[in-house]
Amino acid sequence: MSQKKIFLVLVAVSTVSLLLHLNWTMLAFSLGCFSLPLSVAAPGKPKHTSVAFLKTHKTASSTVQNILFRFAERHNLTVALPVPSCGHLFCYPHMFSGCFVHPHTVPPDILASHTRLNVGQMRRLMPNDTRYVTILREPAAMFESQFSYFMQVCQSFQRVPNGSLEEFLRHPTLYYRAEENDSMYARNMVAFDLGGDKDHQPAGDSEYVQGFVARIESVFSLVMIAEHFDESLVLLRRLLNWEPEDVLYLKLNMRKEESRLTLHGPMPAQIRAWNWLDSALYDHFNATLWRQLEQLGRPCVERELRLMRRMRKSLVRECFGEDTLPLLSNSQIRNKDLRPWQPSSKVAIVGYDLPVNGSGGQAKDMCVKMVMPELQYSRLLLKSQMIRYRRTHPHALTPKNGS
């Protein structure tokens, strides 16, 4: 690309960012939020660029990851990515280790791929001022999702006659085997991801819960809640001093309605009892989230939410040419780079396709990245970062576990 073209692209990006910022600032001022730090990034304070996101399973974490990936690209940051032998995960379900990180993606600014929490290893890898963030989801809804999503890889689920969630919940100990390598998908999965003992006995041990909660609070600056995603983004944006456009998103990795199971009767309570540790974590950090929002002032938070949703509506119109998001099955998505991974023939993950005659240039790239699934985006980032690494380290040898 010629220097003139590069200059024009930079001007376009700066102009779009400035317009979005000014638009947000004017709207915030008109609603009386300008004087509060929620309305715009704190003036004179730089954006925080060191973030470790513990990507939990089936919690809207892919959407958060996409926000972080796009922020990293826009600000020329380095994203820690797994070595090829780990796939797109940091060798999950192993505890995180620095040896799982591709050497061409260090030292990183952002970490956002699936792993199991290992605080010591992460702190050795990440900058000292890193903000640690994770996300939880209501246990009944999450377990229904993981039961169908992980059916093909979890032996505890495969033993259940006719793949019945209702039957599993009636007699979970008949089908569950704690010693199996894939058993984390079948009990207290979030607690496992956060480094806890998914099979701790006795169930409901309040002393263990208190100690576990205290450890999480000592590590994480923010625990987001999937059911209150936008409210969580208000807190995330404040924590990192980001602009509103930095946290714009479209929902990713969603199942088709036909793939969802209906919870009825005692099933939600049974799920919570079986996943007692996940339930205790969720209840604690959901209450924490709302205390944090109350401290910020609910009227201004509500105004910011309305503005955020207005901006997202404009984004949808810009990317798709209409106000309603068209969710498509894999076969309907023409661009293979935008087709989400399908866990099985029984679970359909929907995605997006962009109109052929849609936005062009920088706006089109933004739209593509916003709907790009995790696997494709991870590969794209790894490729670009390897090129950058080789350009800045021309005499470095390619590692054996590199590609």
Protein backbone atom coordinates (compact mmCIF):
# COMPACT_ATOMS: atom_id res chain seq x y z
CA MET A 1 0.00 0.00 0.00
CA SER A 2 1.37 3.44 -0.92
CA GLN A 3 2.13 6.04 1.74
CA LYS A 4 -0.68 8.22 0.38
CA LYS A 5 -3.23 5.41 0.80
CA ILE A 6 -1.97 4.66 4.31
CA PHE A 7 -2.33 8.34 5.19
CA LEU A 8 -5.90 8.44 3.84
CA VAL A 9 -6.86 5.32 5.85
CA LEU A 10 -5.44 6.83 9.04
CA VAL A 11 -7.34 10.06 8.41
CA ALA A 12 -10.57 8.10 7.84
CA VAL A 13 -10.13 6.08 11.03
CA SER A 14 -9.37 9.20 13.07
CA THR A 15 -12.37 11.02 11.60
CA VAL A 16 -14.80 8.16 12.35
CA SER A 17 -13.48 7.87 15.91
CA LEU A 18 -13.72 11.64 16.46
CA LEU A 19 -17.27 11.84 15.12
CA LEU A 20 -18.40 8.94 17.30
CA HIS A 21 -16.77 10.53 20.33
CA LEU A 22 -18.27 13.96 19.67
CA ASN A 23 -21.68 12.46 18.99
CA TRP A 24 -21.56 10.56 22.27
CA THR A 25 -20.32 13.58 24.21
CA MET A 26 -23.08 15.85 22.88
CA LEU A 27 -25.76 13.28 23.67
CA ALA A 28 -24.37 12.72 27.16
CA PHE A 29 -24.27 16.46 27.80
CA SER A 30 -27.88 16.85 26.71
CA LEU A 31 -28.93 14.16 29.17
CA GLY A 32 -27.05 15.64 32.09
CA CYS A 33 -24.33 12.96 32.37
CA PHE A 34 -21.43 15.00 31.08
CA SER A 35 -20.19 15.95 34.52
CA LEU A 36 -19.94 12.31 35.62
CA PRO A 37 -17.03 10.04 34.66
CA LEU A 38 -19.46 7.50 33.21
CA SER A 39 -20.40 9.60 30.23
CA VAL A 40 -17.07 9.73 28.40
CA ALA A 41 -13.50 8.61 29.00
CA ALA A 42 -11.82 10.65 31.74
CA PRO A 43 -10.03 13.56 30.04
CA GLY A 44 -6.24 13.45 30.18
CA LYS A 45 -6.23 9.85 31.37
CA PRO A 46 -4.96 7.29 28.83
CA LYS A 47 -6.89 4.17 27.91
CA HIS A 48 -5.81 1.12 29.85
CA THR A 49 -4.35 -1.41 27.39
CA SER A 50 -3.32 -4.39 29.55
CA VAL A 51 -6.23 -6.80 30.04
CA ALA A 52 -6.39 -10.50 30.94
CA PHE A 53 -9.86 -11.89 30.29
CA LEU A 54 -10.51 -15.33 31.81
CA LYS A 55 -12.80 -16.67 29.07
CA THR A 56 -15.30 -18.95 30.78
CA HIS A 57 -17.52 -21.36 28.81
CA LYS A 58 -21.08 -20.64 27.62
CA THR A 59 -21.23 -17.23 29.29
CA ALA A 60 -21.26 -14.75 26.34
CA SER A 61 -17.46 -14.76 26.66
CA SER A 62 -16.94 -14.97 22.88
CA THR A 63 -18.60 -11.57 22.53
CA VAL A 64 -16.28 -10.07 25.16
CA GLN A 65 -13.29 -11.68 23.45
CA ASN A 66 -14.29 -10.09 20.15
CA ILE A 67 -14.42 -6.66 21.81
CA LEU A 68 -10.89 -7.19 23.13
CA PHE A 69 -9.55 -8.52 19.82
CA ARG A 70 -10.86 -5.48 17.94
CA PHE A 71 -9.51 -3.07 20.54
CA ALA A 72 -6.09 -4.71 20.26
CA GLU A 73 -6.08 -4.38 16.47
CA ARG A 74 -7.15 -0.74 16.52
CA HIS A 75 -4.41 0.17 18.99
CA ASN A 76 -1.65 -2.04 17.56
CA LEU A 77 -1.49 -4.17 20.72
CA THR A 78 -0.20 -7.72 21.04
CA VAL A 79 -2.68 -10.50 21.83
CA ALA A 80 -1.39 -13.64 23.54
CA LEU A 81 -2.43 -16.61 21.38
CA PRO A 82 -1.92 -20.36 21.82
CA VAL A 83 0.77 -22.45 20.16
CA PRO A 84 -0.68 -24.56 17.31
CA SER A 85 -0.55 -27.75 19.39
CA CYS A 86 -3.08 -26.16 21.77
CA GLY A 87 -5.58 -25.30 19.01
CA HIS A 88 -7.44 -22.05 19.71
CA LEU A 89 -7.34 -22.70 23.48
CA PHE A 90 -4.39 -22.50 25.85
CA CYS A 91 -4.35 -26.31 26.07
CA TYR A 92 -7.57 -26.34 28.11
CA PRO A 93 -8.38 -28.05 30.49
CA HIS A 94 -4.77 -27.79 31.71
CA MET A 95 -3.96 -24.95 34.08
CA PHE A 96 -2.57 -21.98 32.17
CA SER A 97 1.15 -22.01 31.48
CA GLY A 98 3.38 -19.55 29.68
CA CYS A 99 4.65 -22.40 27.51
CA PHE A 100 1.19 -22.58 25.91
CA VAL A 101 1.63 -19.07 24.47
CA HIS A 102 2.97 -18.70 20.94
CA PRO A 103 6.41 -17.02 21.23
CA HIS A 104 5.55 -14.62 18.40
CA THR A 105 2.74 -13.18 20.57
CA VAL A 106 4.85 -12.18 23.57
CA PRO A 107 5.11 -9.95 25.47
CA PRO A 108 1.32 -9.53 25.25
CA ASP A 109 -1.02 -6.71 26.15
CA ILE A 110 -4.23 -8.74 25.89
CA LEU A 111 -5.05 -12.33 26.88
CA ALA A 112 -8.54 -13.53 25.99
CA SER A 113 -8.58 -17.20 24.86
CA HIS A 114 -10.01 -20.12 26.84
CA THR A 115 -7.81 -21.37 29.64
CA ARG A 116 -7.92 -22.46 33.27
CA LEU A 117 -6.85 -19.81 35.74
CA ASN A 118 -3.27 -19.98 36.97
CA VAL A 119 -2.60 -16.63 38.62
CA GLY A 120 1.15 -17.06 39.06
CA GLN A 121 1.78 -17.98 35.42
CA MET A 122 -0.47 -15.22 34.12
CA ARG A 123 1.18 -12.55 36.25
CA ARG A 124 4.60 -13.63 35.04
CA LEU A 125 3.40 -13.24 31.44
CA MET A 126 1.28 -10.10 31.61
CA PRO A 127 2.30 -6.51 32.50
CA ASN A 128 2.21 -5.54 36.18
CA ASP A 129 -0.70 -3.15 35.67
CA THR A 130 -2.92 -5.73 33.95
CA ARG A 131 -6.63 -5.60 34.78
CA TYR A 132 -8.12 -9.08 35.25
CA VAL A 133 -11.72 -9.58 34.12
CA THR A 134 -14.06 -12.57 33.78
CA ILE A 135 -17.77 -13.27 33.24
CA LEU A 136 -20.41 -15.53 34.84
CA ARG A 137 -23.86 -16.68 33.74
CA GLU A 138 -26.96 -17.84 35.59
CA PRO A 139 -26.25 -21.55 36.29
CA ALA A 140 -29.53 -23.08 35.05
CA ALA A 141 -29.36 -21.31 31.68
CA MET A 142 -25.65 -22.05 31.38
CA PHE A 143 -26.00 -25.77 32.17
CA GLU A 144 -28.79 -26.19 29.63
CA SER A 145 -26.47 -24.65 27.05
CA GLN A 146 -23.43 -26.75 27.94
CA PHE A 147 -25.47 -29.97 28.04
CA SER A 148 -26.38 -29.65 24.37
CA TYR A 149 -23.16 -27.94 23.25
CA PHE A 150 -20.76 -30.47 24.80
CA MET A 151 -22.86 -33.60 24.26
CA GLN A 152 -20.42 -34.93 21.65
CA VAL A 153 -17.33 -34.57 23.84
CA CYS A 154 -18.55 -35.20 27.40
CA GLN A 155 -18.88 -38.86 28.38
CA SER A 156 -21.07 -38.05 31.38
CA PHE A 157 -23.67 -36.62 29.01
CA GLN A 158 -23.29 -39.37 26.43
CA ARG A 159 -24.32 -42.03 28.97
CA VAL A 160 -27.75 -40.48 29.44
CA PRO A 161 -30.52 -42.40 27.60
CA ASN A 162 -31.83 -40.44 24.60
CA GLY A 163 -29.64 -37.47 25.53
CA SER A 164 -32.24 -36.37 28.07
CA LEU A 165 -31.27 -33.45 30.30
CA GLU A 166 -34.28 -34.20 32.49
CA GLU A 167 -33.02 -37.75 33.07
CA PHE A 168 -29.49 -36.58 33.84
CA LEU A 169 -30.81 -34.16 36.47
CA ARG A 170 -32.91 -36.88 38.11
CA HIS A 171 -29.87 -39.10 38.70
CA PRO A 172 -26.65 -37.17 37.89
CA THR A 173 -24.40 -39.48 39.93
CA LEU A 174 -25.42 -42.43 37.72
CA TYR A 175 -23.82 -40.79 34.69
CA TYR A 176 -21.14 -38.47 36.06
CA ARG A 177 -17.53 -39.64 36.46
CA ALA A 178 -15.37 -37.04 38.21
CA GLU A 179 -12.10 -38.71 37.14
CA GLU A 180 -12.75 -38.39 33.38
CA ASN A 181 -10.78 -35.73 31.52
CA ASP A 182 -13.96 -34.14 30.15
CA SER A 183 -15.93 -34.17 33.40
CA MET A 184 -15.55 -30.38 33.88
CA TYR A 185 -18.26 -29.91 31.24
CA ALA A 186 -20.76 -31.73 33.46
CA ARG A 187 -20.36 -30.06 36.85
CA ASN A 188 -19.38 -26.64 38.21
CA MET A 189 -17.67 -25.72 34.95
CA VAL A 190 -17.16 -22.03 35.74
CA ALA A 191 -15.67 -22.84 39.15
CA PHE A 192 -13.30 -25.26 37.38
CA ASP A 193 -12.30 -22.57 34.84
CA LEU A 194 -11.54 -20.23 37.75
CA GLY A 195 -9.20 -22.79 39.32
CA GLY A 196 -11.63 -24.23 41.86
CA ASP A 197 -12.45 -27.80 42.92
CA LYS A 198 -15.58 -28.71 40.96
CA ASP A 199 -16.09 -31.83 43.11
CA HIS A 200 -15.44 -30.30 46.51
CA GLN A 201 -17.16 -32.09 49.37
CA PRO A 202 -19.32 -31.55 51.21
CA ALA A 203 -21.56 -29.81 48.69
CA GLY A 204 -22.62 -26.41 49.92
CA ASP A 205 -19.53 -25.93 52.10
CA SER A 206 -19.88 -22.25 52.99
CA GLU A 207 -16.32 -21.96 54.28
CA TYR A 208 -14.93 -23.21 50.97
CA VAL A 209 -17.20 -20.83 49.05
CA GLN A 210 -16.08 -17.84 51.13
CA GLY A 211 -12.41 -18.67 50.59
CA PHE A 212 -12.92 -19.21 46.86
CA VAL A 213 -14.82 -15.94 46.48
CA ALA A 214 -12.07 -14.09 48.35
CA ARG A 215 -9.42 -15.52 46.00
CA ILE A 216 -11.41 -14.45 42.94
CA GLU A 217 -11.93 -10.96 44.33
CA SER A 218 -8.20 -10.64 45.02
CA VAL A 219 -7.42 -11.33 41.33
CA PHE A 220 -10.25 -9.86 39.26
CA SER A 221 -11.01 -6.16 39.02
CA LEU A 222 -14.39 -6.95 37.44
CA VAL A 223 -16.66 -9.98 37.23
CA MET A 224 -19.19 -9.38 34.46
CA ILE A 225 -22.64 -10.99 34.42
CA ALA A 226 -24.01 -12.35 31.13
CA GLU A 227 -27.66 -11.57 31.95
CA HIS A 228 -26.66 -7.93 32.50
CA PHE A 229 -24.17 -7.66 29.68
CA ASP A 230 -24.64 -4.00 28.83
CA GLU A 231 -24.49 -2.96 32.47
CA SER A 232 -21.28 -4.97 32.77
CA LEU A 233 -19.85 -3.07 29.80
CA VAL A 234 -20.54 0.22 31.56
CA LEU A 235 -18.32 -1.02 34.40
CA LEU A 236 -15.72 -2.43 32.02
CA ARG A 237 -15.49 0.83 30.11
CA ARG A 238 -15.06 2.76 33.35
CA LEU A 239 -12.42 0.31 34.61
CA LEU A 240 -10.35 0.66 31.43
CA ASN A 241 -11.16 4.31 30.62
CA TRP A 242 -12.28 3.32 27.12
CA GLU A 243 -14.52 5.25 24.74
CA PRO A 244 -18.10 4.07 24.14
CA GLU A 245 -17.23 2.87 20.62
CA ASP A 246 -14.57 0.58 22.13
CA VAL A 247 -17.26 -1.64 23.65
CA LEU A 248 -19.72 -1.83 20.76
CA TYR A 249 -20.61 -5.43 19.96
CA LEU A 250 -22.88 -7.92 18.23
CA LYS A 251 -23.75 -11.19 19.97
CA LEU A 252 -21.63 -14.13 18.86
CA ASN A 253 -21.72 -17.94 19.19
CA MET A 254 -25.48 -18.16 19.70
CA ARG A 255 -27.54 -21.29 19.22
CA LYS A 256 -30.53 -21.52 16.93
CA GLU A 257 -33.78 -21.53 18.91
CA GLU A 258 -34.48 -25.11 17.82
CA SER A 259 -31.28 -26.22 19.55
CA ARG A 260 -32.41 -24.96 22.94
CA LEU A 261 -33.99 -27.20 25.57
CA THR A 262 -36.91 -26.01 27.67
CA LEU A 263 -36.37 -26.04 31.43
CA HIS A 264 -39.54 -26.86 33.32
CA GLY A 265 -40.72 -27.95 36.75
CA PRO A 266 -37.87 -28.73 39.16
CA MET A 267 -35.12 -28.62 36.51
CA PRO A 268 -33.69 -25.14 37.30
CA ALA A 269 -33.49 -26.00 41.02
CA GLN A 270 -31.92 -29.38 40.23
CA ILE A 271 -29.29 -27.71 38.06
CA ARG A 272 -28.45 -25.25 40.80
CA ALA A 273 -28.18 -28.02 43.39
CA TRP A 274 -25.87 -30.11 41.15
CA ASN A 275 -23.80 -27.04 40.26
CA TRP A 276 -23.85 -25.64 43.78
CA LEU A 277 -20.45 -23.95 43.54
CA ASP A 278 -21.23 -22.19 40.26
CA SER A 279 -24.53 -21.09 41.81
CA ALA A 280 -22.85 -19.63 44.87
CA LEU A 281 -20.33 -17.74 42.72
CA TYR A 282 -23.05 -16.37 40.47
CA ASP A 283 -25.26 -15.20 43.33
CA HIS A 284 -22.34 -13.44 45.03
CA PHE A 285 -20.95 -11.67 41.98
CA ASN A 286 -24.36 -10.79 40.57
CA ALA A 287 -25.06 -8.96 43.82
CA THR A 288 -21.59 -7.36 43.63
CA LEU A 289 -22.29 -6.08 40.11
CA TRP A 290 -25.47 -4.32 41.21
CA ARG A 291 -23.73 -2.77 44.22
CA GLN A 292 -21.09 -1.36 41.87
CA LEU A 293 -23.76 0.04 39.56
CA GLU A 294 -25.59 1.65 42.48
CA GLN A 295 -22.34 3.29 43.57
CA LEU A 296 -21.99 4.84 40.12
CA GLY A 297 -25.52 6.23 40.17
CA ARG A 298 -28.34 4.40 38.43
CA PRO A 299 -29.86 7.40 36.55
CA CYS A 300 -26.63 8.10 34.68
CA VAL A 301 -26.00 4.39 34.08
CA GLU A 302 -29.46 4.10 32.52
CA ARG A 303 -28.74 7.04 30.25
CA GLU A 304 -25.47 5.52 29.15
CA LEU A 305 -27.21 2.23 28.42
CA ARG A 306 -29.72 4.00 26.19
CA LEU A 307 -26.94 5.76 24.33
CA MET A 308 -24.95 2.56 23.96
CA ARG A 309 -27.94 0.75 22.50
CA ARG A 310 -28.63 3.67 20.16
CA MET A 311 -25.07 3.50 18.88
CA ARG A 312 -25.37 -0.26 18.39
CA LYS A 313 -28.59 0.21 16.43
CA SER A 314 -26.80 2.68 14.15
CA LEU A 315 -23.98 0.19 13.75
CA VAL A 316 -26.38 -2.55 12.68
CA ARG A 317 -27.89 -0.23 10.10
CA GLU A 318 -24.41 0.71 8.86
CA CYS A 319 -23.23 -2.89 8.55
CA PHE A 320 -26.38 -4.63 7.35
CA GLY A 321 -28.43 -1.86 5.76
CA GLU A 322 -31.41 -2.61 8.01
CA ASP A 323 -32.46 -2.28 11.64
CA THR A 324 -32.97 -5.99 12.34
CA LEU A 325 -29.98 -8.34 12.65
CA PRO A 326 -30.32 -11.25 10.22
CA LEU A 327 -29.20 -14.39 12.09
CA LEU A 328 -28.24 -17.10 9.60
CA SER A 329 -27.39 -20.79 9.65
CA ASN A 330 -23.99 -21.91 8.39
CA SER A 331 -25.33 -22.90 4.98
CA GLN A 332 -26.82 -19.41 4.52
CA ILE A 333 -23.54 -17.58 5.19
CA ARG A 334 -21.73 -17.02 1.90
CA ASN A 335 -18.44 -15.85 3.39
CA LYS A 336 -16.72 -18.93 4.85
CA ASP A 337 -14.60 -16.69 7.09
CA LEU A 338 -17.80 -15.73 8.90
CA ARG A 339 -19.19 -19.25 9.42
CA PRO A 340 -19.18 -20.24 13.12
CA TRP A 341 -17.92 -23.62 14.26
CA GLN A 342 -20.65 -26.21 14.72
CA PRO A 343 -20.27 -28.50 17.76
CA SER A 344 -22.52 -31.23 16.34
CA SER A 345 -25.29 -31.94 13.85
CA LYS A 346 -27.83 -31.50 16.67
CA VAL A 347 -26.68 -28.04 17.77
CA ALA A 348 -26.83 -25.21 15.25
CA ILE A 349 -24.74 -22.11 15.93
CA VAL A 350 -25.99 -19.10 13.99
CA GLY A 351 -23.93 -16.26 12.60
CA TYR A 352 -24.03 -13.27 10.28
CA ASP A 353 -23.31 -12.45 6.67
CA LEU A 354 -22.67 -8.98 5.35
CA PRO A 355 -24.46 -7.58 2.29
CA VAL A 356 -22.40 -7.59 -0.89
CA ASN A 357 -23.11 -3.92 -1.54
CA GLY A 358 -22.62 -2.79 2.04
CA SER A 359 -20.11 -0.38 3.54
CA GLY A 360 -16.67 -0.12 2.07
CA GLY A 361 -13.16 0.51 3.33
CA GLN A 362 -12.55 0.92 7.05
CA ALA A 363 -16.25 0.67 7.91
CA LYS A 364 -16.51 -2.68 6.11
CA ASP A 365 -13.46 -4.03 7.94
CA MET A 366 -15.03 -3.01 11.25
CA CYS A 367 -18.26 -4.82 10.36
CA VAL A 368 -16.40 -7.97 9.27
CA LYS A 369 -14.33 -8.12 12.45
CA MET A 370 -17.38 -7.54 14.63
CA VAL A 371 -19.12 -10.67 13.29
CA MET A 372 -16.03 -12.84 12.78
CA PRO A 373 -16.12 -16.07 14.86
CA GLU A 374 -13.43 -16.89 17.38
CA LEU A 375 -11.50 -19.51 15.39
CA GLN A 376 -11.15 -17.38 12.26
CA TYR A 377 -10.29 -14.22 14.21
CA SER A 378 -7.66 -16.06 16.29
CA ARG A 379 -5.99 -17.39 13.14
CA LEU A 380 -6.07 -13.95 11.54
CA LEU A 381 -4.49 -12.31 14.57
CA LEU A 382 -1.81 -14.98 14.84
CA LYS A 383 -0.89 -14.56 11.19
CA SER A 384 -0.63 -10.77 11.42
CA GLN A 385 1.34 -10.88 14.66
CA MET A 386 3.77 -13.45 13.28
CA ILE A 387 4.42 -11.20 10.29
CA ARG A 388 5.02 -8.27 12.61
CA TYR A 389 7.31 -10.34 14.85
CA ARG A 390 9.45 -11.52 11.93
CA ARG A 391 9.70 -7.98 10.63
CA THR A 392 10.97 -6.72 13.99
CA HIS A 393 13.09 -9.83 14.71
CA PRO A 394 14.61 -10.65 11.30
CA HIS A 395 17.28 -12.97 12.75
CA ALA A 396 15.01 -14.91 15.09
CA LEU A 397 14.56 -18.63 14.45
CA THR A 398 11.06 -19.99 13.90
CA PRO A 399 10.19 -22.10 16.96
CA LYS A 400 9.47 -25.81 16.53
CA ASN A 401 5.94 -25.37 17.84
CA GLY A 402 5.33 -22.36 15.61
CA SER A 403 3.90 -22.37 12.10
